[in-house]
Amino acid sequence: MDIQLIIAILLGLIALIYVGRQMIKQFTQTEKDPKCDNCPVPESRQEAENRK
């Protein structure tokens, strides 16, 4: 085997492991400050939107 092929395979494996770990980390860790879709809007903001 050529040295270039071995290096390419090693770099590919390293990249695959890195991406896999990032995906696992993203699915297992929770956000520190999650955004809430159902949160009530403060009244002052509702009044400002109603004026528009």
PDB file of N, CA and C in Angstrom:
ATOM      1  N   MET A   1       0.839  -1.183   0.000  1.00  0.00           N
ATOM      2  CA  MET A   1       0.000   0.000   0.000  1.00  0.00           C
ATOM      3  C   MET A   1       0.883   1.245   0.000  1.00  0.00           C
ATOM      4  N   ASP A   2       0.401   2.234  -0.672  1.00  0.00           N
ATOM      5  CA  ASP A   2       1.123   3.500  -0.683  1.00  0.00           C
ATOM      6  C   ASP A   2       0.931   4.217   0.642  1.00  0.00           C
ATOM      7  N   ILE A   3       1.903   5.009   1.004  1.00  0.00           N
ATOM      8  CA  ILE A   3       1.842   5.777   2.251  1.00  0.00           C
ATOM      9  C   ILE A   3       0.710   6.794   2.193  1.00  0.00           C
ATOM     10  N   GLN A   4       0.415   7.329   0.998  1.00  0.00           N
ATOM     11  CA  GLN A   4      -0.672   8.309   0.863  1.00  0.00           C
ATOM     12  C   GLN A   4      -2.022   7.672   1.171  1.00  0.00           C
ATOM     13  N   LEU A   5      -2.222   6.447   0.742  1.00  0.00           N
ATOM     14  CA  LEU A   5      -3.480   5.750   1.008  1.00  0.00           C
ATOM     15  C   LEU A   5      -3.635   5.485   2.500  1.00  0.00           C
ATOM     16  N   ILE A   6      -2.573   5.082   3.148  1.00  0.00           N
ATOM     17  CA  ILE A   6      -2.620   4.822   4.592  1.00  0.00           C
ATOM     18  C   ILE A   6      -2.928   6.105   5.359  1.00  0.00           C
ATOM     19  N   ILE A   7      -2.291   7.197   4.974  1.00  0.00           N
ATOM     20  CA  ILE A   7      -2.551   8.487   5.619  1.00  0.00           C
ATOM     21  C   ILE A   7      -3.986   8.923   5.378  1.00  0.00           C
ATOM     22  N   ALA A   8      -4.501   8.751   4.171  1.00  0.00           N
ATOM     23  CA  ALA A   8      -5.874   9.127   3.852  1.00  0.00           C
ATOM     24  C   ALA A   8      -6.865   8.305   4.669  1.00  0.00           C
ATOM     25  N   ILE A   9      -6.601   7.017   4.808  1.00  0.00           N
ATOM     26  CA  ILE A   9      -7.485   6.157   5.602  1.00  0.00           C
ATOM     27  C   ILE A   9      -7.460   6.576   7.072  1.00  0.00           C
ATOM     28  N   LEU A  10      -6.272   6.867   7.599  1.00  0.00           N
ATOM     29  CA  LEU A  10      -6.159   7.303   8.987  1.00  0.00           C
ATOM     30  C   LEU A  10      -6.887   8.629   9.223  1.00  0.00           C
ATOM     31  N   LEU A  11      -6.713   9.575   8.317  1.00  0.00           N
ATOM     32  CA  LEU A  11      -7.412  10.858   8.447  1.00  0.00           C
ATOM     33  C   LEU A  11      -8.922  10.675   8.359  1.00  0.00           C
ATOM     34  N   GLY A  12      -9.370   9.791   7.476  1.00  0.00           N
ATOM     35  CA  GLY A  12     -10.799   9.504   7.357  1.00  0.00           C
ATOM     36  C   GLY A  12     -11.353   8.893   8.625  1.00  0.00           C
ATOM     37  N   LEU A  13     -10.611   7.972   9.230  1.00  0.00           N
ATOM     38  CA  LEU A  13     -11.063   7.359  10.481  1.00  0.00           C
ATOM     39  C   LEU A  13     -11.112   8.370  11.618  1.00  0.00           C
ATOM     40  N   ILE A  14     -10.117   9.229  11.677  1.00  0.00           N
ATOM     41  CA  ILE A  14     -10.105  10.272  12.708  1.00  0.00           C
ATOM     42  C   ILE A  14     -11.295  11.207  12.530  1.00  0.00           C
ATOM     43  N   ALA A  15     -11.571  11.604  11.294  1.00  0.00           N
ATOM     44  CA  ALA A  15     -12.711  12.481  11.024  1.00  0.00           C
ATOM     45  C   ALA A  15     -14.023  11.788  11.365  1.00  0.00           C
ATOM     46  N   LEU A  16     -14.142  10.522  11.048  1.00  0.00           N
ATOM     47  CA  LEU A  16     -15.355   9.765  11.341  1.00  0.00           C
ATOM     48  C   LEU A  16     -15.575   9.646  12.844  1.00  0.00           C
ATOM     49  N   ILE A  17     -14.526   9.388  13.575  1.00  0.00           N
ATOM     50  CA  ILE A  17     -14.635   9.302  15.039  1.00  0.00           C
ATOM     51  C   ILE A  17     -15.016  10.659  15.625  1.00  0.00           C
ATOM     52  N   TYR A  18     -14.415  11.720  15.119  1.00  0.00           N
ATOM     53  CA  TYR A  18     -14.725  13.069  15.613  1.00  0.00           C
ATOM     54  C   TYR A  18     -16.194  13.424  15.380  1.00  0.00           C
ATOM     55  N   VAL A  19     -16.680  13.191  14.177  1.00  0.00           N
ATOM     56  CA  VAL A  19     -18.079  13.506  13.851  1.00  0.00           C
ATOM     57  C   VAL A  19     -19.027  12.639  14.680  1.00  0.00           C
ATOM     58  N   GLY A  20     -18.684  11.377  14.844  1.00  0.00           N
ATOM     59  CA  GLY A  20     -19.518  10.486  15.644  1.00  0.00           C
ATOM     60  C   GLY A  20     -19.607  10.933  17.089  1.00  0.00           C
ATOM     61  N   ARG A  21     -18.483  11.339  17.658  1.00  0.00           N
ATOM     62  CA  ARG A  21     -18.495  11.813  19.048  1.00  0.00           C
ATOM     63  C   ARG A  21     -19.294  13.097  19.182  1.00  0.00           C
ATOM     64  N   GLN A  22     -19.197  13.993  18.205  1.00  0.00           N
ATOM     65  CA  GLN A  22     -19.956  15.241  18.251  1.00  0.00           C
ATOM     66  C   GLN A  22     -21.455  14.966  18.180  1.00  0.00           C
ATOM     67  N   MET A  23     -21.853  14.023  17.348  1.00  0.00           N
ATOM     68  CA  MET A  23     -23.277  13.688  17.234  1.00  0.00           C
ATOM     69  C   MET A  23     -23.785  13.066  18.531  1.00  0.00           C
ATOM     70  N   ILE A  24     -23.013  12.162  19.118  1.00  0.00           N
ATOM     71  CA  ILE A  24     -23.411  11.551  20.383  1.00  0.00           C
ATOM     72  C   ILE A  24     -23.507  12.610  21.474  1.00  0.00           C
ATOM     73  N   LYS A  25     -22.554  13.516  21.513  1.00  0.00           N
ATOM     74  CA  LYS A  25     -22.556  14.589  22.504  1.00  0.00           C
ATOM     75  C   LYS A  25     -23.789  15.475  22.345  1.00  0.00           C
ATOM     76  N   GLN A  26     -24.158  15.768  21.095  1.00  0.00           N
ATOM     77  CA  GLN A  26     -25.298  16.633  20.838  1.00  0.00           C
ATOM     78  C   GLN A  26     -26.602  15.983  21.271  1.00  0.00           C
ATOM     79  N   PHE A  27     -26.729  14.675  21.099  1.00  0.00           N
ATOM     80  CA  PHE A  27     -27.962  13.998  21.453  1.00  0.00           C
ATOM     81  C   PHE A  27     -28.056  13.653  22.932  1.00  0.00           C
ATOM     82  N   THR A  28     -26.938  13.569  23.637  1.00  0.00           N
ATOM     83  CA  THR A  28     -26.981  13.159  25.035  1.00  0.00           C
ATOM     84  C   THR A  28     -26.942  14.329  26.005  1.00  0.00           C
ATOM     85  N   GLN A  29     -26.320  15.436  25.661  1.00  0.00           N
ATOM     86  CA  GLN A  29     -26.239  16.569  26.574  1.00  0.00           C
ATOM     87  C   GLN A  29     -27.409  17.513  26.343  1.00  0.00           C
ATOM     88  N   THR A  30     -27.931  18.066  27.437  1.00  0.00           N
ATOM     89  CA  THR A  30     -29.019  19.025  27.336  1.00  0.00           C
ATOM     90  C   THR A  30     -28.444  20.432  27.227  1.00  0.00           C
ATOM     91  N   GLU A  31     -29.239  21.334  26.687  1.00  0.00           N
ATOM     92  CA  GLU A  31     -28.809  22.719  26.568  1.00  0.00           C
ATOM     93  C   GLU A  31     -28.798  23.373  27.945  1.00  0.00           C
ATOM     94  N   LYS A  32     -27.874  24.283  28.156  1.00  0.00           N
ATOM     95  CA  LYS A  32     -27.803  24.973  29.441  1.00  0.00           C
ATOM     96  C   LYS A  32     -28.916  26.008  29.559  1.00  0.00           C
ATOM     97  N   ASP A  33     -29.291  26.625  28.445  1.00  0.00           N
ATOM     98  CA  ASP A  33     -30.336  27.649  28.447  1.00  0.00           C
ATOM     99  C   ASP A  33     -31.314  27.324  27.318  1.00  0.00           C
ATOM    100  N   PRO A  34     -32.179  26.312  27.503  1.00  0.00           N
ATOM    101  CA  PRO A  34     -33.082  25.930  26.420  1.00  0.00           C
ATOM    102  C   PRO A  34     -34.137  27.008  26.160  1.00  0.00           C
ATOM    103  N   LYS A  35     -34.478  27.160  24.920  1.00  0.00           N
ATOM    104  CA  LYS A  35     -35.514  28.122  24.531  1.00  0.00           C
ATOM    105  C   LYS A  35     -36.871  27.422  24.583  1.00  0.00           C
ATOM    106  N   CYS A  36     -37.836  28.082  25.146  1.00  0.00           N
ATOM    107  CA  CYS A  36     -39.160  27.490  25.338  1.00  0.00           C
ATOM    108  C   CYS A  36     -40.096  28.007  24.256  1.00  0.00           C
ATOM    109  N   ASP A  37     -40.750  27.089  23.534  1.00  0.00           N
ATOM    110  CA  ASP A  37     -41.688  27.491  22.494  1.00  0.00           C
ATOM    111  C   ASP A  37     -43.048  27.858  23.081  1.00  0.00           C
ATOM    112  N   ASN A  38     -43.392  27.301  24.219  1.00  0.00           N
ATOM    113  CA  ASN A  38     -44.730  27.508  24.787  1.00  0.00           C
ATOM    114  C   ASN A  38     -44.730  28.543  25.905  1.00  0.00           C
ATOM    115  N   CYS A  39     -43.657  29.255  26.093  1.00  0.00           N
ATOM    116  CA  CYS A  39     -43.588  30.216  27.186  1.00  0.00           C
ATOM    117  C   CYS A  39     -44.559  31.367  26.936  1.00  0.00           C
ATOM    118  N   PRO A  40     -45.224  31.829  27.992  1.00  0.00           N
ATOM    119  CA  PRO A  40     -46.146  32.959  27.805  1.00  0.00           C
ATOM    120  C   PRO A  40     -45.360  34.238  27.507  1.00  0.00           C
ATOM    121  N   VAL A  41     -45.943  35.081  26.700  1.00  0.00           N
ATOM    122  CA  VAL A  41     -45.316  36.345  26.334  1.00  0.00           C
ATOM    123  C   VAL A  41     -45.663  37.358  27.423  1.00  0.00           C
ATOM    124  N   PRO A  42     -44.704  38.139  27.901  1.00  0.00           N
ATOM    125  CA  PRO A  42     -45.022  39.161  28.915  1.00  0.00           C
ATOM    126  C   PRO A  42     -46.088  40.118  28.400  1.00  0.00           C
ATOM    127  N   GLU A  43     -46.905  40.620  29.316  1.00  0.00           N
ATOM    128  CA  GLU A  43     -48.042  41.468  28.926  1.00  0.00           C
ATOM    129  C   GLU A  43     -47.593  42.732  28.201  1.00  0.00           C
ATOM    130  N   SER A  44     -46.508  43.339  28.630  1.00  0.00           N
ATOM    131  CA  SER A  44     -46.050  44.574  27.983  1.00  0.00           C
ATOM    132  C   SER A  44     -45.682  44.315  26.520  1.00  0.00           C
ATOM    133  N   ARG A  45     -45.163  43.146  26.240  1.00  0.00           N
ATOM    134  CA  ARG A  45     -44.812  42.818  24.863  1.00  0.00           C
ATOM    135  C   ARG A  45     -46.072  42.562  24.036  1.00  0.00           C
ATOM    136  N   GLN A  46     -47.086  41.934  24.650  1.00  0.00           N
ATOM    137  CA  GLN A  46     -48.347  41.687  23.929  1.00  0.00           C
ATOM    138  C   GLN A  46     -49.001  43.026  23.579  1.00  0.00           C
ATOM    139  N   GLU A  47     -48.969  43.967  24.504  1.00  0.00           N
ATOM    140  CA  GLU A  47     -49.569  45.287  24.239  1.00  0.00           C
ATOM    141  C   GLU A  47     -48.850  45.983  23.101  1.00  0.00           C
ATOM    142  N   ALA A  48     -47.537  45.881  23.041  1.00  0.00           N
ATOM    143  CA  ALA A  48     -46.767  46.515  21.984  1.00  0.00           C
ATOM    144  C   ALA A  48     -47.092  45.889  20.626  1.00  0.00           C
ATOM    145  N   GLU A  49     -47.306  44.570  20.599  1.00  0.00           N
ATOM    146  CA  GLU A  49     -47.651  43.904  19.353  1.00  0.00           C
ATOM    147  C   GLU A  49     -49.064  44.238  18.910  1.00  0.00           C
ATOM    148  N   ASN A  50     -49.977  44.445  19.862  1.00  0.00           N
ATOM    149  CA  ASN A  50     -51.352  44.774  19.518  1.00  0.00           C
ATOM    150  C   ASN A  50     -51.463  46.179  18.938  1.00  0.00           C
ATOM    151  N   ARG A  51     -50.570  47.087  19.282  1.00  0.00           N
ATOM    152  CA  ARG A  51     -50.603  48.443  18.761  1.00  0.00           C
ATOM    153  C   ARG A  51     -50.205  48.514  17.294  1.00  0.00           C
ATOM    154  N   LYS A  52     -49.449  47.540  16.856  1.00  0.00           N
ATOM    155  CA  LYS A  52     -48.954  47.575  15.469  1.00  0.00           C
ATOM    156  C   LYS A  52     -50.012  47.365  14.471  1.00  0.00           C
TER     157      LYS A  52
END
